[in-house]
């Protein structure tokens, strides 16, 4: 920890803070623990995972927010240049949010699911339009919203997206969870962030294994020469 910034851990609070003495959001605390300059956009974490952490921090109630603090060290160093991380994080958030979203929000969340599925299908080499079981299950909560989203995607065509939809999906889906009626929103948001971290840890481990050099082939034993 950089002593020129703070000699204590700030308390988690909503929004952006000018200094740690005024409190910290989730990612500002991560910047402190990572030894970076004070920022809510530190370089130590994948940008979309960090965006999710900021949103969960801000939409969690004041009474429950401190429960997020032990998760902060987990996001430090968790990053990649693989665009699949964006697809996977956004899909996780969208599928988690749809069952809790209001009827008015569900079609838009469903569009986000289909957009992520298309990107992942192209990445994985599977048929565009095919869905993972988790996406099918989420869309099954509201067949009407799913049908509307499929028709919307058909009318817009495959090339209407000019940039990754991840940030927009998160900015729509997280409030949908937070504003859901009859649900324990704080618990759902906490579990969502926990699962997103676990997802990124799994992808990071997969990348590390793929980067390991292949073991050298075992040398063949030569048969002894008989006289």
Protein backbone atom coordinates (compact mmCIF):
# COMPACT_ATOMS: atom_id res chain seq x y z
CA UNK A 1 0.00 0.00 0.00
CA UNK A 2 1.32 3.44 -0.85
CA UNK A 3 1.86 5.44 2.32
CA UNK A 4 1.50 8.74 0.46
CA UNK A 5 -2.13 7.90 -0.22
CA UNK A 6 -3.45 6.53 3.04
CA UNK A 7 -2.39 4.71 6.18
CA UNK A 8 -5.78 3.08 6.63
CA UNK A 9 -8.41 1.28 4.61
CA UNK A 10 -11.31 3.59 3.75
CA UNK A 11 -14.93 2.62 4.32
CA UNK A 12 -16.89 1.57 1.26
CA UNK A 13 -19.35 4.20 0.11
CA UNK A 14 -21.48 4.93 -2.93
CA UNK A 15 -20.06 6.89 -5.86
CA UNK A 16 -16.68 8.43 -6.60
CA UNK A 17 -14.52 9.93 -3.84
CA UNK A 18 -11.85 12.62 -4.07
CA UNK A 19 -9.63 11.00 -1.44
CA UNK A 20 -9.63 7.88 0.76
CA UNK A 21 -10.41 10.01 3.80
CA UNK A 22 -13.82 10.66 2.28
CA UNK A 23 -14.49 6.94 1.78
CA UNK A 24 -14.01 4.69 -1.21
CA UNK A 25 -15.97 2.75 -3.75
CA UNK A 26 -15.05 -0.88 -4.43
CA UNK A 27 -12.55 -0.13 -7.18
CA UNK A 28 -11.03 2.87 -5.40
CA UNK A 29 -10.21 0.52 -2.55
CA UNK A 30 -8.73 -1.90 -5.09
CA UNK A 31 -6.47 0.86 -6.40
CA UNK A 32 -5.16 1.42 -2.88
CA UNK A 33 -4.50 -2.26 -2.23
CA UNK A 34 -2.83 -2.64 -5.64
CA UNK A 35 -0.46 0.25 -4.94
CA UNK A 36 -1.81 2.30 -7.82
CA UNK A 37 -2.75 5.95 -7.80
CA UNK A 38 -6.16 6.73 -6.29
CA UNK A 39 -8.72 5.92 -8.98
CA UNK A 40 -12.02 4.15 -9.52
CA UNK A 41 -10.64 2.88 -12.84
CA UNK A 42 -7.35 1.22 -11.80
CA UNK A 43 -5.35 -0.81 -14.29
CA UNK A 44 -5.23 -3.85 -12.01
CA UNK A 45 -8.64 -5.23 -13.01
CA UNK A 46 -10.40 -6.15 -16.24
CA UNK A 47 -12.44 -3.08 -17.27
CA UNK A 48 -15.83 -4.81 -17.49
CA UNK A 49 -15.34 -6.68 -14.22
CA UNK A 50 -14.37 -3.37 -12.61
CA UNK A 51 -17.48 -1.75 -14.09
CA UNK A 52 -19.61 -4.48 -12.56
CA UNK A 53 -17.91 -3.99 -9.19
CA UNK A 54 -18.63 -0.25 -9.27
CA UNK A 55 -22.28 -0.84 -10.14
CA UNK A 56 -22.77 -3.49 -7.47
CA UNK A 57 -21.08 -1.18 -4.96
CA UNK A 58 -23.38 1.71 -5.83
CA UNK A 59 -26.64 -0.27 -5.99
CA UNK A 60 -26.04 -2.20 -2.78
CA UNK A 61 -27.72 -0.68 0.26
CA UNK A 62 -25.63 1.21 2.81
CA UNK A 63 -26.37 -1.46 5.41
CA UNK A 64 -25.02 -4.29 3.23
CA UNK A 65 -22.18 -2.58 1.35
CA UNK A 66 -19.38 -3.39 3.81
CA UNK A 67 -19.95 -7.07 3.08
CA UNK A 68 -18.36 -6.42 -0.32
CA UNK A 69 -15.02 -5.32 1.16
CA UNK A 70 -13.50 -8.82 1.55
CA UNK A 71 -14.00 -9.34 -2.19
CA UNK A 72 -11.79 -6.40 -3.15
CA UNK A 73 -8.42 -8.25 -3.11
CA UNK A 74 -9.87 -10.89 -5.42
CA UNK A 75 -10.13 -8.50 -8.38
CA UNK A 76 -6.53 -7.26 -8.18
CA UNK A 77 -4.53 -8.67 -11.08
CA UNK A 78 -7.63 -10.26 -12.59
CA UNK A 79 -7.50 -9.09 -16.20
CA UNK A 80 -6.97 -10.23 -19.76
CA UNK A 81 -6.89 -8.93 -23.32
CA UNK A 82 -9.13 -11.78 -24.48
CA UNK A 83 -12.45 -10.32 -25.64
CA UNK A 84 -14.18 -13.50 -24.48
CA UNK A 85 -14.00 -12.07 -20.96
CA UNK A 86 -16.31 -9.25 -22.04
CA UNK A 87 -18.76 -11.69 -23.61
CA UNK A 88 -18.80 -14.03 -20.60
CA UNK A 89 -19.14 -11.31 -17.95
CA UNK A 90 -21.95 -9.56 -19.81
CA UNK A 91 -23.80 -12.83 -20.42
CA UNK A 92 -23.54 -13.80 -16.76
CA UNK A 93 -25.00 -10.47 -15.67
CA UNK A 94 -27.81 -10.51 -18.24
CA UNK A 95 -28.92 -14.07 -17.53
CA UNK A 96 -28.83 -13.43 -13.80
CA UNK A 97 -30.87 -10.23 -14.12
CA UNK A 98 -33.67 -11.30 -16.43
CA UNK A 99 -35.74 -13.27 -13.88
CA UNK A 100 -35.67 -10.30 -11.49
CA UNK A 101 -36.24 -7.54 -14.04
CA UNK A 102 -39.60 -5.85 -14.33
CA UNK A 103 -41.81 -6.73 -17.29
CA UNK A 104 -40.80 -3.48 -18.99
CA UNK A 105 -37.08 -4.20 -18.61
CA UNK A 106 -37.08 -7.85 -19.60
CA UNK A 107 -37.13 -7.43 -23.41
CA UNK A 108 -34.03 -5.23 -23.28
CA UNK A 109 -32.22 -7.66 -20.98
CA UNK A 110 -33.18 -10.46 -23.36
CA UNK A 111 -31.65 -8.53 -26.26
CA UNK A 112 -28.43 -8.37 -24.24
CA UNK A 113 -28.46 -12.14 -23.75
CA UNK A 114 -28.87 -12.76 -27.48
CA UNK A 115 -26.12 -10.26 -28.33
CA UNK A 116 -23.66 -11.99 -26.01
CA UNK A 117 -24.66 -15.42 -27.30
CA UNK A 118 -23.99 -14.30 -30.86
CA UNK A 119 -20.53 -13.02 -29.94
CA UNK A 120 -19.70 -16.21 -28.06
CA UNK A 121 -21.00 -18.38 -30.90
CA UNK A 122 -18.67 -16.62 -33.34
CA UNK A 123 -15.81 -17.03 -30.87
CA UNK A 124 -16.51 -20.71 -30.24
CA UNK A 125 -17.31 -21.69 -33.80
CA UNK A 126 -20.85 -22.86 -33.03
CA UNK A 127 -23.99 -21.98 -34.96
CA UNK A 128 -25.11 -18.37 -34.59
CA UNK A 129 -28.52 -18.46 -32.95
CA UNK A 130 -27.71 -21.45 -30.76
CA UNK A 131 -27.98 -20.85 -27.03
CA UNK A 132 -26.24 -22.18 -23.98
CA UNK A 133 -28.47 -23.97 -21.46
CA UNK A 134 -28.16 -21.09 -18.99
CA UNK A 135 -29.41 -18.61 -21.56
CA UNK A 136 -32.29 -20.87 -22.55
CA UNK A 137 -33.26 -21.16 -18.88
CA UNK A 138 -33.14 -17.39 -18.33
CA UNK A 139 -35.14 -16.60 -21.47
CA UNK A 140 -37.66 -19.24 -20.45
CA UNK A 141 -38.77 -16.99 -17.58
CA UNK A 142 -40.48 -14.73 -20.11
CA UNK A 143 -41.11 -16.29 -23.54
CA UNK A 144 -42.79 -13.09 -24.75
CA UNK A 145 -39.71 -11.00 -23.94
CA UNK A 146 -37.49 -13.63 -25.57
CA UNK A 147 -39.62 -13.59 -28.71
CA UNK A 148 -39.54 -9.80 -28.87
CA UNK A 149 -35.76 -9.83 -28.49
CA UNK A 150 -35.32 -12.41 -31.24
CA UNK A 151 -37.49 -10.38 -33.62
CA UNK A 152 -35.60 -7.21 -32.71
CA UNK A 153 -32.26 -8.91 -33.39
CA UNK A 154 -33.57 -10.22 -36.72
CA UNK A 155 -34.74 -6.78 -37.84
CA UNK A 156 -31.54 -5.05 -36.77
CA UNK A 157 -29.30 -7.59 -38.47
CA UNK A 158 -25.93 -8.95 -37.33
CA UNK A 159 -23.87 -5.84 -38.04
CA UNK A 160 -25.79 -3.15 -36.14
CA UNK A 161 -23.52 -3.36 -33.08
CA UNK A 162 -20.51 -1.07 -33.53
CA UNK A 163 -18.97 -1.60 -30.09
CA UNK A 164 -19.16 -4.22 -27.38
CA UNK A 165 -22.53 -4.12 -25.60
CA UNK A 166 -21.09 -5.20 -22.25
CA UNK A 167 -21.11 -1.82 -20.44
CA UNK A 168 -24.65 -1.04 -21.60
CA UNK A 169 -25.87 -4.48 -20.55
CA UNK A 170 -24.40 -4.05 -17.08
CA UNK A 171 -25.77 -0.53 -16.69
CA UNK A 172 -29.26 -1.80 -17.48
CA UNK A 173 -29.18 -5.21 -15.76
CA UNK A 174 -27.71 -4.29 -12.37
CA UNK A 175 -30.37 -1.62 -11.64
CA UNK A 176 -32.99 -4.13 -12.80
CA UNK A 177 -31.87 -6.43 -9.98
CA UNK A 178 -31.58 -3.62 -7.45
CA UNK A 179 -35.10 -2.37 -8.17
CA UNK A 180 -36.75 -5.79 -8.25
CA UNK A 181 -39.70 -6.22 -5.95
CA UNK A 182 -39.86 -9.02 -3.42
CA UNK A 183 -36.24 -10.05 -3.98
CA UNK A 184 -33.24 -9.83 -1.67
CA UNK A 185 -31.40 -7.49 -4.02
CA UNK A 186 -28.33 -7.09 -1.78
CA UNK A 187 -27.81 -10.86 -1.65
CA UNK A 188 -28.35 -11.28 -5.39
CA UNK A 189 -25.89 -8.49 -6.23
CA UNK A 190 -23.30 -9.91 -3.82
CA UNK A 191 -23.62 -13.37 -5.36
CA UNK A 192 -23.48 -11.89 -8.86
CA UNK A 193 -20.17 -10.15 -8.17
CA UNK A 194 -18.81 -13.24 -6.41
CA UNK A 195 -19.74 -15.43 -9.38
CA UNK A 196 -18.27 -12.95 -11.87
CA UNK A 197 -14.98 -12.99 -9.98
CA UNK A 198 -15.00 -16.80 -9.93
CA UNK A 199 -15.73 -16.83 -13.67
CA UNK A 200 -12.77 -14.56 -14.39
CA UNK A 201 -10.51 -16.60 -12.13
CA UNK A 202 -11.46 -19.72 -14.07
CA UNK A 203 -10.76 -18.03 -17.42
CA UNK A 204 -7.43 -16.71 -16.11
CA UNK A 205 -6.45 -20.21 -14.98
CA UNK A 206 -7.43 -21.57 -18.39
CA UNK A 207 -5.25 -18.97 -20.12
CA UNK A 208 -2.34 -19.77 -17.81
CA UNK A 209 -2.59 -23.47 -18.63
CA UNK A 210 -2.74 -22.73 -22.35
CA UNK A 211 0.39 -20.58 -22.08
CA UNK A 212 2.44 -23.31 -20.42
CA UNK A 213 5.04 -24.86 -22.74
CA UNK A 214 4.20 -28.34 -23.91
CA UNK A 215 6.23 -31.03 -22.14
CA UNK A 216 9.16 -32.31 -24.11
CA UNK A 217 8.54 -35.77 -25.63
CA UNK A 218 10.06 -38.57 -23.62
CA UNK A 219 13.24 -39.88 -25.20
CA UNK A 220 12.89 -43.37 -26.57
CA UNK A 221 14.86 -46.00 -24.70
CA UNK A 222 17.31 -47.81 -26.92
CA UNK A 223 17.35 -51.57 -26.73
CA UNK A 224 20.60 -52.95 -25.35
CA UNK A 225 23.03 -54.21 -27.99
CA UNK A 226 23.58 -57.94 -27.71
CA UNK A 227 26.90 -59.48 -28.61
